[in-house]
């Protein structure tokens, strides 16, 4: 496996799921503390953008 493939795999298999887990934790926080909904929504939107960026970079590294 070359460096690009390794980097793509790390982004896809490690970084992506960590960002998704952070989003899930935020959703749980919002459920437990509804008053945080507005702030959670803003952070969740940023996480979604980060996940999209990680996905795009991973695909680019793989040449897809």
PDB file of N, CA and C in Angstrom:
ATOM      1  N   UNK A   1       0.858  -1.174   0.000  1.00  0.00           N
ATOM      2  CA  UNK A   1       0.000   0.000   0.000  1.00  0.00           C
ATOM      3  C   UNK A   1       0.906   1.239   0.000  1.00  0.00           C
ATOM      4  N   UNK A   2       0.624   2.164  -0.911  1.00  0.00           N
ATOM      5  CA  UNK A   2       1.433   3.368  -0.970  1.00  0.00           C
ATOM      6  C   UNK A   2       0.946   4.413   0.043  1.00  0.00           C
ATOM      7  N   UNK A   3       1.672   5.509   0.132  1.00  0.00           N
ATOM      8  CA  UNK A   3       1.347   6.555   1.112  1.00  0.00           C
ATOM      9  C   UNK A   3      -0.036   7.147   0.907  1.00  0.00           C
ATOM     10  N   UNK A   4      -0.395   7.381  -0.333  1.00  0.00           N
ATOM     11  CA  UNK A   4      -1.705   7.962  -0.608  1.00  0.00           C
ATOM     12  C   UNK A   4      -2.821   7.027  -0.187  1.00  0.00           C
ATOM     13  N   UNK A   5      -2.675   5.769  -0.496  1.00  0.00           N
ATOM     14  CA  UNK A   5      -3.691   4.788  -0.091  1.00  0.00           C
ATOM     15  C   UNK A   5      -3.770   4.688   1.428  1.00  0.00           C
ATOM     16  N   UNK A   6      -2.607   4.716   2.066  1.00  0.00           N
ATOM     17  CA  UNK A   6      -2.581   4.650   3.533  1.00  0.00           C
ATOM     18  C   UNK A   6      -3.262   5.877   4.137  1.00  0.00           C
ATOM     19  N   UNK A   7      -2.960   7.054   3.597  1.00  0.00           N
ATOM     20  CA  UNK A   7      -3.585   8.284   4.097  1.00  0.00           C
ATOM     21  C   UNK A   7      -5.096   8.241   3.877  1.00  0.00           C
ATOM     22  N   UNK A   8      -5.516   7.782   2.716  1.00  0.00           N
ATOM     23  CA  UNK A   8      -6.943   7.685   2.414  1.00  0.00           C
ATOM     24  C   UNK A   8      -7.626   6.725   3.380  1.00  0.00           C
ATOM     25  N   UNK A   9      -6.972   5.611   3.663  1.00  0.00           N
ATOM     26  CA  UNK A   9      -7.553   4.631   4.588  1.00  0.00           C
ATOM     27  C   UNK A   9      -7.666   5.210   6.001  1.00  0.00           C
ATOM     28  N   UNK A  10      -6.639   5.931   6.454  1.00  0.00           N
ATOM     29  CA  UNK A  10      -6.683   6.556   7.783  1.00  0.00           C
ATOM     30  C   UNK A  10      -7.820   7.570   7.853  1.00  0.00           C
ATOM     31  N   UNK A  11      -7.939   8.381   6.822  1.00  0.00           N
ATOM     32  CA  UNK A  11      -9.022   9.372   6.809  1.00  0.00           C
ATOM     33  C   UNK A  11     -10.381   8.688   6.834  1.00  0.00           C
ATOM     34  N   UNK A  12     -10.538   7.669   6.010  1.00  0.00           N
ATOM     35  CA  UNK A  12     -11.825   6.991   5.897  1.00  0.00           C
ATOM     36  C   UNK A  12     -12.139   6.131   7.115  1.00  0.00           C
ATOM     37  N   UNK A  13     -11.163   5.366   7.580  1.00  0.00           N
ATOM     38  CA  UNK A  13     -11.410   4.387   8.640  1.00  0.00           C
ATOM     39  C   UNK A  13     -11.240   4.934  10.049  1.00  0.00           C
ATOM     40  N   UNK A  14     -10.461   5.995  10.207  1.00  0.00           N
ATOM     41  CA  UNK A  14     -10.190   6.530  11.544  1.00  0.00           C
ATOM     42  C   UNK A  14     -10.812   7.906  11.772  1.00  0.00           C
ATOM     43  N   UNK A  15     -10.457   8.852  10.921  1.00  0.00           N
ATOM     44  CA  UNK A  15     -10.895  10.231  11.141  1.00  0.00           C
ATOM     45  C   UNK A  15     -12.399  10.381  10.914  1.00  0.00           C
ATOM     46  N   UNK A  16     -12.904   9.832   9.824  1.00  0.00           N
ATOM     47  CA  UNK A  16     -14.339   9.935   9.530  1.00  0.00           C
ATOM     48  C   UNK A  16     -15.207   9.420  10.663  1.00  0.00           C
ATOM     49  N   UNK A  17     -14.963   8.199  11.139  1.00  0.00           N
ATOM     50  CA  UNK A  17     -15.775   7.682  12.243  1.00  0.00           C
ATOM     51  C   UNK A  17     -15.644   8.497  13.537  1.00  0.00           C
ATOM     52  N   UNK A  18     -14.463   9.051  13.795  1.00  0.00           N
ATOM     53  CA  UNK A  18     -14.310   9.889  14.989  1.00  0.00           C
ATOM     54  C   UNK A  18     -15.174  11.147  14.891  1.00  0.00           C
ATOM     55  N   UNK A  19     -15.202  11.740  13.712  1.00  0.00           N
ATOM     56  CA  UNK A  19     -16.047  12.924  13.518  1.00  0.00           C
ATOM     57  C   UNK A  19     -17.524  12.553  13.646  1.00  0.00           C
ATOM     58  N   UNK A  20     -17.891  11.412  13.091  1.00  0.00           N
ATOM     59  CA  UNK A  20     -19.279  10.960  13.206  1.00  0.00           C
ATOM     60  C   UNK A  20     -19.654  10.678  14.658  1.00  0.00           C
ATOM     61  N   UNK A  21     -18.740  10.069  15.409  1.00  0.00           N
ATOM     62  CA  UNK A  21     -18.994   9.791  16.823  1.00  0.00           C
ATOM     63  C   UNK A  21     -19.161  11.088  17.606  1.00  0.00           C
ATOM     64  N   UNK A  22     -18.371  12.092  17.268  1.00  0.00           N
ATOM     65  CA  UNK A  22     -18.517  13.389  17.926  1.00  0.00           C
ATOM     66  C   UNK A  22     -19.903  13.963  17.649  1.00  0.00           C
ATOM     67  N   UNK A  23     -20.376  13.812  16.423  1.00  0.00           N
ATOM     68  CA  UNK A  23     -21.720  14.285  16.081  1.00  0.00           C
ATOM     69  C   UNK A  23     -22.794  13.560  16.869  1.00  0.00           C
ATOM     70  N   UNK A  24     -22.631  12.255  17.031  1.00  0.00           N
ATOM     71  CA  UNK A  24     -23.604  11.486  17.817  1.00  0.00           C
ATOM     72  C   UNK A  24     -23.595  11.922  19.278  1.00  0.00           C
ATOM     73  N   UNK A  25     -22.416  12.171  19.812  1.00  0.00           N
ATOM     74  CA  UNK A  25     -22.319  12.645  21.196  1.00  0.00           C
ATOM     75  C   UNK A  25     -23.016  13.992  21.356  1.00  0.00           C
ATOM     76  N   UNK A  26     -22.871  14.847  20.359  1.00  0.00           N
ATOM     77  CA  UNK A  26     -23.563  16.130  20.402  1.00  0.00           C
ATOM     78  C   UNK A  26     -25.074  15.954  20.378  1.00  0.00           C
ATOM     79  N   UNK A  27     -25.555  15.019  19.578  1.00  0.00           N
ATOM     80  CA  UNK A  27     -26.994  14.768  19.530  1.00  0.00           C
ATOM     81  C   UNK A  27     -27.512  14.276  20.881  1.00  0.00           C
ATOM     82  N   UNK A  28     -26.728  13.428  21.549  1.00  0.00           N
ATOM     83  CA  UNK A  28     -27.106  12.969  22.888  1.00  0.00           C
ATOM     84  C   UNK A  28     -27.127  14.134  23.875  1.00  0.00           C
ATOM     85  N   UNK A  29     -26.148  15.004  23.755  1.00  0.00           N
ATOM     86  CA  UNK A  29     -26.109  16.195  24.603  1.00  0.00           C
ATOM     87  C   UNK A  29     -27.363  17.035  24.405  1.00  0.00           C
ATOM     88  N   UNK A  30     -27.732  17.208  23.150  1.00  0.00           N
ATOM     89  CA  UNK A  30     -28.931  17.999  22.840  1.00  0.00           C
ATOM     90  C   UNK A  30     -30.179  17.349  23.419  1.00  0.00           C
ATOM     91  N   UNK A  31     -30.241  16.028  23.380  1.00  0.00           N
ATOM     92  CA  UNK A  31     -31.405  15.341  23.937  1.00  0.00           C
ATOM     93  C   UNK A  31     -31.467  15.508  25.454  1.00  0.00           C
ATOM     94  N   UNK A  32     -30.312  15.454  26.110  1.00  0.00           N
ATOM     95  CA  UNK A  32     -30.259  15.596  27.560  1.00  0.00           C
ATOM     96  C   UNK A  32     -30.433  17.038  28.011  1.00  0.00           C
ATOM     97  N   UNK A  33     -29.982  17.958  27.179  1.00  0.00           N
ATOM     98  CA  UNK A  33     -30.031  19.383  27.517  1.00  0.00           C
ATOM     99  C   UNK A  33     -30.591  20.162  26.326  1.00  0.00           C
ATOM    100  N   UNK A  34     -31.910  20.163  26.171  1.00  0.00           N
ATOM    101  CA  UNK A  34     -32.534  20.794  25.002  1.00  0.00           C
ATOM    102  C   UNK A  34     -32.136  22.265  24.808  1.00  0.00           C
ATOM    103  N   UNK A  35     -31.746  22.908  25.870  1.00  0.00           N
ATOM    104  CA  UNK A  35     -31.356  24.315  25.745  1.00  0.00           C
ATOM    105  C   UNK A  35     -30.061  24.492  24.939  1.00  0.00           C
ATOM    106  N   UNK A  36     -29.355  23.408  24.682  1.00  0.00           N
ATOM    107  CA  UNK A  36     -28.125  23.479  23.887  1.00  0.00           C
ATOM    108  C   UNK A  36     -28.391  23.306  22.393  1.00  0.00           C
ATOM    109  N   UNK A  37     -29.638  23.133  22.016  1.00  0.00           N
ATOM    110  CA  UNK A  37     -29.983  22.767  20.630  1.00  0.00           C
ATOM    111  C   UNK A  37     -29.367  23.701  19.597  1.00  0.00           C
ATOM    112  N   UNK A  38     -29.437  24.994  19.818  1.00  0.00           N
ATOM    113  CA  UNK A  38     -28.925  25.930  18.819  1.00  0.00           C
ATOM    114  C   UNK A  38     -27.411  25.794  18.659  1.00  0.00           C
ATOM    115  N   UNK A  39     -26.697  25.724  19.770  1.00  0.00           N
ATOM    116  CA  UNK A  39     -25.247  25.562  19.703  1.00  0.00           C
ATOM    117  C   UNK A  39     -24.847  24.232  19.111  1.00  0.00           C
ATOM    118  N   UNK A  40     -25.567  23.173  19.480  1.00  0.00           N
ATOM    119  CA  UNK A  40     -25.280  21.843  18.944  1.00  0.00           C
ATOM    120  C   UNK A  40     -25.485  21.837  17.437  1.00  0.00           C
ATOM    121  N   UNK A  41     -26.535  22.477  16.979  1.00  0.00           N
ATOM    122  CA  UNK A  41     -26.812  22.516  15.535  1.00  0.00           C
ATOM    123  C   UNK A  41     -25.647  23.162  14.790  1.00  0.00           C
ATOM    124  N   UNK A  42     -25.119  24.256  15.319  1.00  0.00           N
ATOM    125  CA  UNK A  42     -24.000  24.927  14.669  1.00  0.00           C
ATOM    126  C   UNK A  42     -22.763  24.048  14.598  1.00  0.00           C
ATOM    127  N   UNK A  43     -22.453  23.378  15.685  1.00  0.00           N
ATOM    128  CA  UNK A  43     -21.284  22.500  15.706  1.00  0.00           C
ATOM    129  C   UNK A  43     -21.510  21.287  14.810  1.00  0.00           C
ATOM    130  N   UNK A  44     -22.726  20.766  14.803  1.00  0.00           N
ATOM    131  CA  UNK A  44     -23.050  19.616  13.952  1.00  0.00           C
ATOM    132  C   UNK A  44     -22.875  19.974  12.477  1.00  0.00           C
ATOM    133  N   UNK A  45     -23.275  21.179  12.107  1.00  0.00           N
ATOM    134  CA  UNK A  45     -23.086  21.620  10.725  1.00  0.00           C
ATOM    135  C   UNK A  45     -21.601  21.664  10.362  1.00  0.00           C
ATOM    136  N   UNK A  46     -20.780  22.145  11.287  1.00  0.00           N
ATOM    137  CA  UNK A  46     -19.334  22.169  11.043  1.00  0.00           C
ATOM    138  C   UNK A  46     -18.770  20.757  10.921  1.00  0.00           C
ATOM    139  N   UNK A  47     -19.229  19.859  11.782  1.00  0.00           N
ATOM    140  CA  UNK A  47     -18.784  18.471  11.703  1.00  0.00           C
ATOM    141  C   UNK A  47     -19.190  17.840  10.373  1.00  0.00           C
ATOM    142  N   UNK A  48     -20.397  18.129   9.917  1.00  0.00           N
ATOM    143  CA  UNK A  48     -20.849  17.592   8.624  1.00  0.00           C
ATOM    144  C   UNK A  48     -19.944  18.069   7.491  1.00  0.00           C
ATOM    145  N   UNK A  49     -19.552  19.349   7.542  1.00  0.00           N
ATOM    146  CA  UNK A  49     -18.641  19.879   6.521  1.00  0.00           C
ATOM    147  C   UNK A  49     -17.281  19.201   6.613  1.00  0.00           C
ATOM    148  N   UNK A  50     -16.811  18.974   7.834  1.00  0.00           N
ATOM    149  CA  UNK A  50     -15.526  18.299   8.020  1.00  0.00           C
ATOM    150  C   UNK A  50     -15.581  16.866   7.483  1.00  0.00           C
ATOM    151  N   UNK A  51     -16.676  16.179   7.752  1.00  0.00           N
ATOM    152  CA  UNK A  51     -16.840  14.805   7.253  1.00  0.00           C
ATOM    153  C   UNK A  51     -16.857  14.800   5.729  1.00  0.00           C
ATOM    154  N   UNK A  52     -17.556  15.750   5.139  1.00  0.00           N
ATOM    155  CA  UNK A  52     -17.578  15.841   3.676  1.00  0.00           C
ATOM    156  C   UNK A  52     -16.175  16.096   3.127  1.00  0.00           C
ATOM    157  N   UNK A  53     -15.414  16.953   3.784  1.00  0.00           N
ATOM    158  CA  UNK A  53     -14.049  17.244   3.340  1.00  0.00           C
ATOM    159  C   UNK A  53     -13.151  16.022   3.464  1.00  0.00           C
ATOM    160  N   UNK A  54     -13.266  15.307   4.568  1.00  0.00           N
ATOM    161  CA  UNK A  54     -12.477  14.089   4.762  1.00  0.00           C
ATOM    162  C   UNK A  54     -12.820  13.077   3.682  1.00  0.00           C
ATOM    163  N   UNK A  55     -14.091  12.934   3.387  1.00  0.00           N
ATOM    164  CA  UNK A  55     -14.527  12.000   2.349  1.00  0.00           C
ATOM    165  C   UNK A  55     -13.956  12.395   0.980  1.00  0.00           C
ATOM    166  N   UNK A  56     -14.013  13.694   0.682  1.00  0.00           N
ATOM    167  CA  UNK A  56     -13.514  14.162  -0.610  1.00  0.00           C
ATOM    168  C   UNK A  56     -12.010  13.956  -0.748  1.00  0.00           C
ATOM    169  N   UNK A  57     -11.268  14.255   0.303  1.00  0.00           N
ATOM    170  CA  UNK A  57      -9.819  14.068   0.263  1.00  0.00           C
ATOM    171  C   UNK A  57      -9.482  12.593   0.144  1.00  0.00           C
ATOM    172  N   UNK A  58     -10.192  11.765   0.878  1.00  0.00           N
ATOM    173  CA  UNK A  58      -9.967  10.325   0.806  1.00  0.00           C
ATOM    174  C   UNK A  58     -10.207   9.810  -0.604  1.00  0.00           C
ATOM    175  N   UNK A  59     -11.289  10.234  -1.225  1.00  0.00           N
ATOM    176  CA  UNK A  59     -11.586   9.821  -2.599  1.00  0.00           C
ATOM    177  C   UNK A  59     -10.522  10.316  -3.573  1.00  0.00           C
ATOM    178  N   UNK A  60     -10.082  11.561  -3.363  1.00  0.00           N
ATOM    179  CA  UNK A  60      -9.069  12.132  -4.253  1.00  0.00           C
ATOM    180  C   UNK A  60      -7.753  11.361  -4.130  1.00  0.00           C
ATOM    181  N   UNK A  61      -7.385  11.012  -2.915  1.00  0.00           N
ATOM    182  CA  UNK A  61      -6.153  10.258  -2.716  1.00  0.00           C
ATOM    183  C   UNK A  61      -6.200   8.898  -3.385  1.00  0.00           C
ATOM    184  N   UNK A  62      -7.398   8.319  -3.444  1.00  0.00           N
ATOM    185  CA  UNK A  62      -7.555   7.015  -4.087  1.00  0.00           C
ATOM    186  C   UNK A  62      -7.742   7.117  -5.602  1.00  0.00           C
ATOM    187  N   UNK A  63      -7.864   8.360  -6.083  1.00  0.00           N
ATOM    188  CA  UNK A  63      -8.019   8.558  -7.515  1.00  0.00           C
ATOM    189  C   UNK A  63      -9.416   8.303  -8.026  1.00  0.00           C
ATOM    190  N   UNK A  64     -10.423   8.375  -7.110  1.00  0.00           N
ATOM    191  CA  UNK A  64     -11.819   8.134  -7.501  1.00  0.00           C
ATOM    192  C   UNK A  64     -12.518   9.431  -7.825  1.00  0.00           C
TER     193      UNK A  64
END
